[in-house]
PDB file of N, CA and C in Angstrom:
ATOM      1  N   MET A   1       0.702  -1.178  -0.264  1.00  0.00           N
ATOM      2  CA  MET A   1      -0.056  -0.342  -0.369  1.00  0.00           C
ATOM      3  C   MET A   1       1.065   1.228  -0.285  1.00  0.00           C
ATOM      4  N   TYR A   2       2.107   1.051   0.860  1.00  0.00           N
ATOM      5  CA  TYR A   2       2.647   2.287   0.843  1.00  0.00           C
ATOM      6  C   TYR A   2       3.473   2.487  -0.656  1.00  0.00           C
ATOM      7  N   PHE A   3       3.862   1.282  -0.881  1.00  0.00           N
ATOM      8  CA  PHE A   3       4.850   1.371  -2.353  1.00  0.00           C
ATOM      9  C   PHE A   3       3.587   1.941  -3.350  1.00  0.00           C
ATOM     10  N   ILE A   4       2.433   1.672  -3.415  1.00  0.00           N
ATOM     11  CA  ILE A   4       1.446   1.989  -4.335  1.00  0.00           C
ATOM     12  C   ILE A   4       1.258   3.220  -4.159  1.00  0.00           C
ATOM     13  N   SER A   5       1.658   4.019  -3.034  1.00  0.00           N
ATOM     14  CA  SER A   5       1.061   5.338  -2.952  1.00  0.00           C
ATOM     15  C   SER A   5       2.425   6.448  -2.942  1.00  0.00           C
ATOM     16  N   SER A   6       3.393   5.885  -2.856  1.00  0.00           N
ATOM     17  CA  SER A   6       4.798   6.513  -3.165  1.00  0.00           C
ATOM     18  C   SER A   6       4.859   6.680  -4.639  1.00  0.00           C
ATOM     19  N   VAL A   7       4.369   5.408  -5.437  1.00  0.00           N
ATOM     20  CA  VAL A   7       4.515   5.609  -7.140  1.00  0.00           C
ATOM     21  C   VAL A   7       3.217   6.483  -7.517  1.00  0.00           C
ATOM     22  N   VAL A   8       2.330   6.502  -7.003  1.00  0.00           N
ATOM     23  CA  VAL A   8       1.335   7.823  -7.295  1.00  0.00           C
ATOM     24  C   VAL A   8       1.979   9.312  -7.026  1.00  0.00           C
ATOM     25  N   ASN A   9       2.453   9.316  -5.936  1.00  0.00           N
ATOM     26  CA  ASN A   9       2.631  10.723  -5.490  1.00  0.00           C
ATOM     27  C   ASN A   9       3.671  11.139  -6.482  1.00  0.00           C
ATOM     28  N   ARG A  10       5.160  10.251  -7.407  1.00  0.00           N
ATOM     29  CA  ARG A  10       5.781  10.362  -8.038  1.00  0.00           C
ATOM     30  C   ARG A  10       5.211  10.462  -9.404  1.00  0.00           C
ATOM     31  N   ASN A  11       4.778  10.023  -9.957  1.00  0.00           N
ATOM     32  CA  ASN A  11       4.076   9.843 -11.135  1.00  0.00           C
ATOM     33  C   ASN A  11       2.715  10.973 -11.349  1.00  0.00           C
ATOM     34  N   ALA A  12       2.466  11.214 -10.410  1.00  0.00           N
ATOM     35  CA  ALA A  12       0.878  11.869 -10.672  1.00  0.00           C
ATOM     36  C   ALA A  12       0.850  13.423 -10.317  1.00  0.00           C
ATOM     37  N   THR A  13       0.249  14.289 -10.579  1.00  0.00           N
ATOM     38  CA  THR A  13       0.110  16.051  -9.992  1.00  0.00           C
ATOM     39  C   THR A  13      -0.529  15.881  -8.746  1.00  0.00           C
ATOM     40  N   LEU A  14      -0.685  16.971  -8.211  1.00  0.00           N
ATOM     41  CA  LEU A  14      -0.817  17.028  -6.955  1.00  0.00           C
ATOM     42  C   LEU A  14      -2.728  16.769  -6.692  1.00  0.00           C
ATOM     43  N   SER A  15      -3.449  16.754  -7.796  1.00  0.00           N
ATOM     44  CA  SER A  15      -4.715  16.391  -7.752  1.00  0.00           C
ATOM     45  C   SER A  15      -4.859  14.939  -7.972  1.00  0.00           C
ATOM     46  N   GLU A  16      -4.082  14.350  -8.803  1.00  0.00           N
ATOM     47  CA  GLU A  16      -4.250  13.302  -9.279  1.00  0.00           C
ATOM     48  C   GLU A  16      -4.559  11.857  -8.220  1.00  0.00           C
ATOM     49  N   PRO A  17      -4.033  12.068  -7.106  1.00  0.00           N
ATOM     50  CA  PRO A  17      -4.071  11.061  -6.240  1.00  0.00           C
ATOM     51  C   PRO A  17      -5.656  10.964  -5.611  1.00  0.00           C
ATOM     52  N   PHE A  18      -5.916  12.232  -5.371  1.00  0.00           N
ATOM     53  CA  PHE A  18      -7.144  12.620  -4.663  1.00  0.00           C
ATOM     54  C   PHE A  18      -8.387  11.800  -5.352  1.00  0.00           C
ATOM     55  N   PHE A  19      -8.000  12.119  -6.727  1.00  0.00           N
ATOM     56  CA  PHE A  19      -8.945  11.417  -7.557  1.00  0.00           C
ATOM     57  C   PHE A  19      -9.189   9.747  -7.889  1.00  0.00           C
ATOM     58  N   LEU A  20      -7.932   9.507  -7.831  1.00  0.00           N
ATOM     59  CA  LEU A  20      -7.425   7.688  -7.632  1.00  0.00           C
ATOM     60  C   LEU A  20      -7.939   7.196  -6.664  1.00  0.00           C
ATOM     61  N   ILE A  21      -7.948   7.722  -5.601  1.00  0.00           N
ATOM     62  CA  ILE A  21      -8.549   6.957  -4.314  1.00  0.00           C
ATOM     63  C   ILE A  21      -9.862   6.538  -4.210  1.00  0.00           C
ATOM     64  N   PRO A  22     -11.240   7.531  -4.591  1.00  0.00           N
ATOM     65  CA  PRO A  22     -12.101   6.874  -4.692  1.00  0.00           C
ATOM     66  C   PRO A  22     -12.441   5.909  -5.890  1.00  0.00           C
ATOM     67  N   ILE A  23     -11.526   5.813  -6.729  1.00  0.00           N
ATOM     68  CA  ILE A  23     -11.534   5.145  -7.998  1.00  0.00           C
ATOM     69  C   ILE A  23     -11.222   3.598  -7.269  1.00  0.00           C
ATOM     70  N   GLY A  24     -10.189   3.613  -6.811  1.00  0.00           N
ATOM     71  CA  GLY A  24      -9.870   2.439  -5.852  1.00  0.00           C
ATOM     72  C   GLY A  24     -10.575   1.602  -5.185  1.00  0.00           C
ATOM     73  N   PHE A  25     -11.238   2.626  -4.322  1.00  0.00           N
ATOM     74  CA  PHE A  25     -12.477   1.965  -3.640  1.00  0.00           C
ATOM     75  C   PHE A  25     -13.511   1.762  -4.302  1.00  0.00           C
ATOM     76  N   LEU A  26     -13.911   2.432  -5.372  1.00  0.00           N
ATOM     77  CA  LEU A  26     -15.159   1.928  -6.018  1.00  0.00           C
ATOM     78  C   LEU A  26     -14.808   0.334  -6.742  1.00  0.00           C
ATOM     79  N   PHE A  27     -13.383   0.298  -7.386  1.00  0.00           N
ATOM     80  CA  PHE A  27     -13.017  -1.140  -8.094  1.00  0.00           C
ATOM     81  C   PHE A  27     -12.934  -2.115  -6.755  1.00  0.00           C
ATOM     82  N   ALA A  28     -12.841  -1.912  -5.403  1.00  0.00           N
ATOM     83  CA  ALA A  28     -12.579  -2.359  -4.664  1.00  0.00           C
ATOM     84  C   ALA A  28     -14.081  -3.117  -4.066  1.00  0.00           C
ATOM     85  N   GLY A  29     -14.804  -2.412  -3.721  1.00  0.00           N
ATOM     86  CA  GLY A  29     -16.539  -2.366  -4.108  1.00  0.00           C
ATOM     87  C   GLY A  29     -17.226  -3.240  -5.074  1.00  0.00           C
ATOM     88  N   ILE A  30     -16.673  -2.846  -5.747  1.00  0.00           N
ATOM     89  CA  ILE A  30     -16.981  -3.804  -7.014  1.00  0.00           C
ATOM     90  C   ILE A  30     -16.730  -5.383  -6.904  1.00  0.00           C
ATOM     91  N   ALA A  31     -14.997  -5.389  -6.776  1.00  0.00           N
ATOM     92  CA  ALA A  31     -15.148  -6.855  -6.587  1.00  0.00           C
ATOM     93  C   ALA A  31     -15.494  -7.552  -5.342  1.00  0.00           C
ATOM     94  N   ILE A  32     -15.604  -6.873  -4.138  1.00  0.00           N
ATOM     95  CA  ILE A  32     -16.232  -7.558  -3.099  1.00  0.00           C
ATOM     96  C   ILE A  32     -17.813  -8.064  -3.340  1.00  0.00           C
ATOM     97  N   ILE A  33     -18.246  -7.050  -3.860  1.00  0.00           N
ATOM     98  CA  ILE A  33     -20.083  -7.206  -4.875  1.00  0.00           C
ATOM     99  C   ILE A  33     -19.918  -8.442  -5.519  1.00  0.00           C
ATOM    100  N   SER A  34     -19.174  -8.574  -6.422  1.00  0.00           N
ATOM    101  CA  SER A  34     -19.092  -9.574  -7.182  1.00  0.00           C
ATOM    102  C   SER A  34     -18.705 -10.989  -6.794  1.00  0.00           C
ATOM    103  N   ALA A  35     -17.926 -10.748  -5.694  1.00  0.00           N
ATOM    104  CA  ALA A  35     -17.424 -11.767  -4.915  1.00  0.00           C
ATOM    105  C   ALA A  35     -18.853 -12.560  -4.100  1.00  0.00           C
ATOM    106  N   ILE A  36     -19.327 -11.529  -3.494  1.00  0.00           N
ATOM    107  CA  ILE A  36     -20.440 -12.171  -2.643  1.00  0.00           C
ATOM    108  C   ILE A  36     -21.663 -12.597  -3.533  1.00  0.00           C
ATOM    109  N   ILE A  37     -21.903 -12.266  -4.818  1.00  0.00           N
ATOM    110  CA  ILE A  37     -22.853 -12.706  -5.938  1.00  0.00           C
ATOM    111  C   ILE A  37     -22.583 -13.839  -6.034  1.00  0.00           C
ATOM    112  N   ILE A  38     -21.255 -13.973  -6.919  1.00  0.00           N
ATOM    113  CA  ILE A  38     -21.007 -15.616  -7.003  1.00  0.00           C
ATOM    114  C   ILE A  38     -21.196 -16.682  -5.880  1.00  0.00           C
ATOM    115  N   TYR A  39     -20.478 -16.215  -4.507  1.00  0.00           N
ATOM    116  CA  TYR A  39     -21.194 -17.103  -3.551  1.00  0.00           C
ATOM    117  C   TYR A  39     -22.351 -17.387  -3.338  1.00  0.00           C
ATOM    118  N   VAL A  40     -22.751 -16.380  -3.457  1.00  0.00           N
ATOM    119  CA  VAL A  40     -24.566 -16.766  -3.180  1.00  0.00           C
ATOM    120  C   VAL A  40     -24.984 -17.740  -4.247  1.00  0.00           C
ATOM    121  N   VAL A  41     -24.803 -17.377  -5.393  1.00  0.00           N
ATOM    122  CA  VAL A  41     -25.169 -17.970  -6.332  1.00  0.00           C
ATOM    123  C   VAL A  41     -24.848 -19.292  -6.262  1.00  0.00           C
ATOM    124  N   SER A  42     -23.791 -19.893  -6.026  1.00  0.00           N
ATOM    125  CA  SER A  42     -23.057 -20.945  -6.107  1.00  0.00           C
ATOM    126  C   SER A  42     -23.608 -21.717  -4.709  1.00  0.00           C
ATOM    127  N   LYS A  43     -23.918 -21.007  -3.972  1.00  0.00           N
ATOM    128  CA  LYS A  43     -24.286 -21.493  -2.698  1.00  0.00           C
ATOM    129  C   LYS A  43     -25.676 -22.218  -3.098  1.00  0.00           C
ATOM    130  N   PHE A  44     -26.713 -21.296  -3.853  1.00  0.00           N
ATOM    131  CA  PHE A  44     -28.050 -21.430  -4.497  1.00  0.00           C
ATOM    132  C   PHE A  44     -27.937 -22.728  -5.310  1.00  0.00           C
ATOM    133  N   VAL A  45     -27.208 -22.602  -6.454  1.00  0.00           N
ATOM    134  CA  VAL A  45     -27.109 -23.579  -7.014  1.00  0.00           C
ATOM    135  C   VAL A  45     -26.905 -24.861  -6.442  1.00  0.00           C
ATOM    136  N   ASN A  46     -25.898 -25.066  -5.542  1.00  0.00           N
ATOM    137  CA  ASN A  46     -25.522 -26.622  -4.890  1.00  0.00           C
ATOM    138  C   ASN A  46     -26.820 -27.033  -4.055  1.00  0.00           C
ATOM    139  N   SER A  47     -27.654 -25.900  -3.554  1.00  0.00           N
ATOM    140  CA  SER A  47     -28.725 -26.619  -2.785  1.00  0.00           C
ATOM    141  C   SER A  47     -29.742 -26.773  -3.464  1.00  0.00           C
ATOM    142  N   ASN A  48     -29.982 -26.307  -5.058  1.00  0.00           N
ATOM    143  CA  ASN A  48     -30.723 -26.676  -5.593  1.00  0.00           C
ATOM    144  C   ASN A  48     -30.727 -28.326  -5.958  1.00  0.00           C
ATOM    145  N   ASN A  49     -29.403 -28.467  -6.531  1.00  0.00           N
ATOM    146  CA  ASN A  49     -28.641 -29.882  -6.753  1.00  0.00           C
ATOM    147  C   ASN A  49     -29.278 -30.899  -5.787  1.00  0.00           C
ATOM    148  N   HIS A  50     -28.617 -30.612  -4.713  1.00  0.00           N
ATOM    149  CA  HIS A  50     -29.301 -31.820  -3.726  1.00  0.00           C
ATOM    150  C   HIS A  50     -30.448 -31.888  -3.247  1.00  0.00           C
TER     151      HIS A  50
END
């Protein structure tokens, strides 16, 4: 996490890191939601098969 922030600070202007942080949270939220959906769907399919 520190390495990523240092790379961002080195390569970006002052305003860009503040723009990249919410995008990171957005992608993290999408990944978590999709993982939950896949888990629920697989559980539902497994319960229907048995």
